[in-house]
Protein backbone atom coordinates (compact mmCIF):
# COMPACT_ATOMS: atom_id res chain seq x y z
CA MET A 1 -0.95 -7.97 6.82
CA ASN A 2 -0.72 -5.10 7.82
CA SER A 3 -2.52 0.30 7.53
CA LYS A 4 -1.06 -2.38 8.97
CA MET A 5 0.02 -3.64 11.09
CA LEU A 6 -0.67 -7.31 11.38
CA GLN A 7 1.75 -10.18 11.71
CA ILE A 8 2.48 -11.77 8.34
CA LYS A 9 2.70 -15.55 8.51
CA LYS A 10 4.98 -16.88 5.82
CA ASN A 11 4.20 -20.07 3.94
CA LEU A 12 6.90 -22.17 2.31
CA GLU A 13 8.65 -20.38 -0.52
CA PRO A 14 7.79 -21.35 -4.11
CA ASP A 15 9.77 -24.31 -5.46
CA SER A 16 10.80 -22.21 -8.45
CA LEU A 17 12.57 -19.74 -6.16
CA THR A 18 14.37 -22.55 -4.35
CA VAL A 19 15.63 -23.93 -7.66
CA TYR A 20 16.58 -20.54 -9.10
CA ARG A 21 18.59 -19.60 -6.01
CA LEU A 22 20.95 -22.50 -6.77
CA THR A 23 21.88 -21.11 -10.18
CA GLU A 24 25.15 -19.24 -10.64
CA ASN A 25 24.97 -15.49 -9.89
CA ALA A 26 21.28 -15.72 -9.03
CA ASN A 27 19.78 -12.39 -8.02
CA PHE A 28 16.29 -10.92 -7.78
CA SER A 29 16.71 -8.34 -10.55
CA ASP A 30 17.61 -11.05 -13.08
CA CYS A 31 15.03 -13.50 -11.79
CA PRO A 32 13.15 -15.13 -14.72
CA PRO A 33 9.65 -13.67 -15.25
CA ASP A 34 7.88 -16.94 -14.44
CA VAL A 35 9.76 -17.23 -11.15
CA LYS A 36 8.93 -13.64 -10.22
CA ILE A 37 5.26 -14.29 -10.91
CA GLU A 38 5.32 -17.34 -8.64
CA ILE A 39 6.98 -15.26 -5.91
CA LYS A 40 4.37 -12.52 -6.26
CA LYS A 41 1.47 -14.98 -6.18
CA SER A 42 2.86 -16.62 -3.06
CA LEU A 43 3.38 -13.29 -1.29
CA LEU A 44 -0.13 -12.16 -2.16
CA GLU A 45 -1.60 -15.37 -0.74
CA ASN A 46 0.49 -14.97 2.44
CA GLN A 47 -0.78 -11.44 2.91
CA LYS A 48 -4.34 -12.04 1.75
CA TYR A 49 -3.96 -9.52 -1.08
CA ILE A 50 -3.24 -6.44 1.02
CA CYS A 51 -0.12 -4.29 1.22
CA ALA A 52 2.28 -5.32 3.98
CA TYR A 53 2.39 -1.73 5.23
CA CYS A 54 -0.75 0.30 4.50
CA MET A 55 -3.19 -2.61 4.00
CA GLN A 56 -4.81 -1.33 0.84
CA ARG A 57 -5.87 -3.99 -1.68
CA ILE A 58 -3.17 -5.07 -4.13
CA SER A 59 -3.08 -7.53 -7.01
CA LEU A 60 -0.58 -9.23 -9.27
CA ASP A 61 -0.81 -6.32 -11.70
CA ASP A 62 -0.27 -3.42 -9.29
CA MET A 63 2.01 -4.78 -6.55
CA LYS A 64 5.75 -4.46 -5.96
CA VAL A 65 8.07 -6.89 -4.19
CA GLU A 66 9.56 -5.22 -1.12
CA HIS A 67 12.94 -6.24 0.28
CA PHE A 68 12.46 -5.50 3.98
CA LEU A 69 16.23 -5.43 4.38
CA PRO A 70 17.31 -3.31 1.39
CA GLN A 71 19.05 -5.10 -1.47
CA SER A 72 21.83 -2.53 -1.61
CA LEU A 73 22.73 -3.04 2.04
CA TYR A 74 21.92 -6.74 2.46
CA PRO A 75 22.81 -8.49 -0.83
CA ASN A 76 22.82 -11.90 0.86
CA ASP A 77 19.09 -11.50 1.56
CA ASP A 78 18.26 -10.55 -2.04
CA LEU A 79 16.54 -13.92 -2.62
CA ASN A 80 15.65 -14.69 0.98
CA TYR A 81 11.91 -15.38 0.91
CA GLN A 82 11.56 -14.27 4.54
CA ASN A 83 12.80 -10.86 3.44
CA LEU A 84 10.26 -10.45 0.63
CA PHE A 85 6.82 -8.84 0.97
CA ALA A 86 4.06 -7.67 -1.34
CA VAL A 87 3.44 -3.92 -1.21
CA CYS A 88 1.51 -1.24 -3.07
CA ASN A 89 3.16 1.31 -5.35
CA GLY A 90 3.18 3.82 -2.51
CA ASN A 91 2.21 6.72 -4.79
CA GLU A 92 5.38 6.22 -6.77
CA GLY A 93 6.20 9.28 -8.85
CA SER A 94 4.40 11.66 -6.48
CA LYS A 95 6.03 14.29 -4.28
CA PRO A 96 7.86 12.83 -1.25
CA ASP A 97 5.18 13.97 1.19
CA ARG A 98 2.60 11.90 -0.71
CA GLN A 99 4.74 8.76 -0.98
CA THR A 100 4.09 5.88 1.43
CA CYS A 101 5.17 2.35 2.26
CA ASP A 102 8.19 0.92 0.40
CA THR A 103 8.36 3.85 -2.02
CA LYS A 104 8.80 6.25 0.91
CA LYS A 105 11.00 3.84 2.86
CA GLY A 106 13.64 3.39 0.15
CA ASN A 107 16.84 2.06 1.70
CA SER A 108 15.87 2.91 5.28
CA ILE A 109 15.91 0.08 7.82
CA LEU A 110 12.95 -0.44 10.12
CA PRO A 111 13.70 -1.52 13.71
CA PHE A 112 10.80 -3.98 13.86
CA SER A 113 9.84 -7.09 11.90
CA LEU A 114 6.67 -7.75 9.96
CA ILE A 115 6.68 -11.40 10.98
CA ILE A 116 7.02 -11.09 14.76
CA PRO A 117 4.20 -12.89 16.61
CA ASN A 118 1.19 -10.80 17.63
CA LEU A 119 2.44 -7.64 15.95
CA GLU A 120 -1.18 -6.48 15.82
CA CYS A 121 -1.29 -6.40 19.64
CA LEU A 122 1.40 -3.70 19.68
CA VAL A 123 -0.46 -1.37 17.31
CA ARG A 124 -3.42 0.82 18.16
CA TYR A 125 -5.54 3.32 16.22
CA ARG A 126 -7.27 6.61 16.88
CA PRO A 127 -10.81 6.07 15.48
CA ALA A 128 -11.56 9.79 15.19
CA THR A 129 -8.60 10.40 12.89
CA GLY A 130 -7.69 6.97 11.53
CA GLU A 131 -4.16 7.41 12.83
CA ILE A 132 -1.91 4.42 13.56
CA VAL A 133 -0.31 4.53 17.01
CA PHE A 134 2.79 2.36 17.40
CA ALA A 135 4.29 4.07 20.45
CA GLU A 136 7.74 2.52 20.39
CA TYR A 137 8.18 3.14 16.67
CA GLN A 138 5.94 6.13 16.01
CA GLN A 139 8.67 8.10 14.28
CA GLU A 140 9.31 5.28 11.82
CA ILE A 141 5.58 4.89 11.11
CA ASN A 142 5.25 8.62 10.45
CA SER A 143 8.49 9.56 8.72
CA ILE A 144 9.89 6.41 7.08
CA LEU A 145 6.60 4.80 5.96
CA ASN A 146 4.34 7.87 6.07
CA LEU A 147 1.40 5.71 7.12
CA ASN A 148 -0.14 8.69 8.90
CA ASP A 149 0.24 10.76 5.75
CA SER A 150 -0.10 14.48 6.14
CA LYS A 151 -2.61 14.63 3.24
CA GLY A 152 -4.98 12.31 5.10
CA TYR A 153 -5.40 9.73 2.32
CA LEU A 154 -4.66 6.59 4.35
CA MET A 155 -6.18 7.89 7.56
CA GLU A 156 -9.45 8.74 5.79
CA ASN A 157 -9.58 5.25 4.29
CA ARG A 158 -9.09 3.69 7.72
CA LYS A 159 -11.85 5.85 9.19
CA SER A 160 -14.18 4.83 6.36
CA ALA A 161 -13.39 1.13 6.81
CA LEU A 162 -14.07 1.34 10.54
CA ARG A 163 -17.28 3.31 10.09
CA ALA A 164 -18.55 0.78 7.55
CA LEU A 165 -17.96 -2.00 10.07
CA GLN A 166 -19.67 -0.07 12.87
CA LEU A 167 -22.71 0.61 10.67
CA LYS A 168 -22.90 -3.06 9.70
CA ILE A 169 -22.91 -4.08 13.37
CA GLU A 170 -25.48 -1.41 14.25
CA ARG A 171 -27.84 -2.55 11.51
CA LYS A 172 -27.49 -6.22 12.36
CA TYR A 173 -28.05 -5.74 16.11
CA ARG A 174 -30.31 -2.68 15.87
CA ASN A 175 -32.17 -3.13 19.12
CA ARG A 176 -29.34 -4.28 21.35
CA ARG A 177 -25.60 -4.23 21.90
CA ALA A 178 -23.75 -7.07 20.16
CA SER A 179 -22.43 -9.68 22.56
CA LYS A 180 -18.79 -10.67 22.83
CA PRO A 181 -19.34 -14.05 21.07
CA GLU A 182 -21.11 -12.25 18.24
CA LEU A 183 -18.27 -9.76 17.85
CA VAL A 184 -15.70 -12.55 17.99
CA LYS A 185 -17.56 -14.29 15.18
CA ILE A 186 -17.33 -11.12 13.07
CA LEU A 187 -13.63 -10.83 13.93
CA ASN A 188 -12.98 -14.43 12.91
CA THR A 189 -14.78 -13.86 9.61
CA ILE A 190 -12.62 -10.83 8.80
CA GLU A 191 -9.39 -12.60 9.72
CA SER A 192 -10.20 -15.80 7.83
CA GLN A 193 -10.98 -14.24 4.45
CA PRO A 194 -8.67 -15.47 1.64
CA LYS A 195 -8.70 -11.87 0.41
CA MET A 196 -8.82 -9.61 3.44
CA SER A 197 -10.83 -6.41 3.33
CA PRO A 198 -8.76 -3.30 2.60
CA PHE A 199 -7.62 -1.51 5.75
CA ALA A 200 -8.76 -4.43 7.89
CA GLY A 201 -6.18 -3.59 10.56
CA ILE A 202 -8.33 -0.91 12.18
CA MET A 203 -11.40 -3.18 12.06
CA ILE A 204 -9.52 -6.03 13.73
CA TRP A 205 -8.14 -3.68 16.37
CA TYR A 206 -11.62 -2.26 17.07
CA LEU A 207 -13.19 -5.69 17.51
CA ARG A 208 -10.34 -7.00 19.64
CA ASP A 209 -10.54 -3.89 21.80
CA ARG A 210 -14.31 -4.24 22.30
CA CYS A 211 -13.86 -7.90 23.18
CA ASN A 212 -10.87 -7.24 25.47
CA LEU A 213 -8.76 -9.70 23.48
């Protein structure tokens, strides 16, 4: 939830998906438009309107539904709500080195889950570059998802999001260092937003790191 990465907490699937799954030969590609819209709305609410991978802002009009386990390899999970996530278009149509997220991932399989508890505690950032550091799975972050894109697009956005937060804290507590309770309050505000700020992952990491959480 996600320049992820944050644990995504799934709500109950939409009733329309539950009903549709019971129909003969049900599959995601042939899913009725109204059911797909309900799925998308539910996924967006789960993820607070940010891409499951890069954490840029997405909406009903510009999102895609990602099958974490690819449809071609795991047909039985085609309509499994736990396998569905909202993602950005990942620079679809661009050269491969500019593609990110699901568009770059294609049919590759990631060795970690987006719904494991405390995923955010396993991920760190380099503030100077905006780079995601996920030591155990760094190759997958770099090559399969391209979240540390060589063109610097996502990393620059993370740096900007972090700098904006730092400036906000500096202005608010101009004459002193913000206390841990004050920083925790800011952290709670960021995490509780119905629509999370784009690239909030690096901001949450920064605040948790300063508070030794």
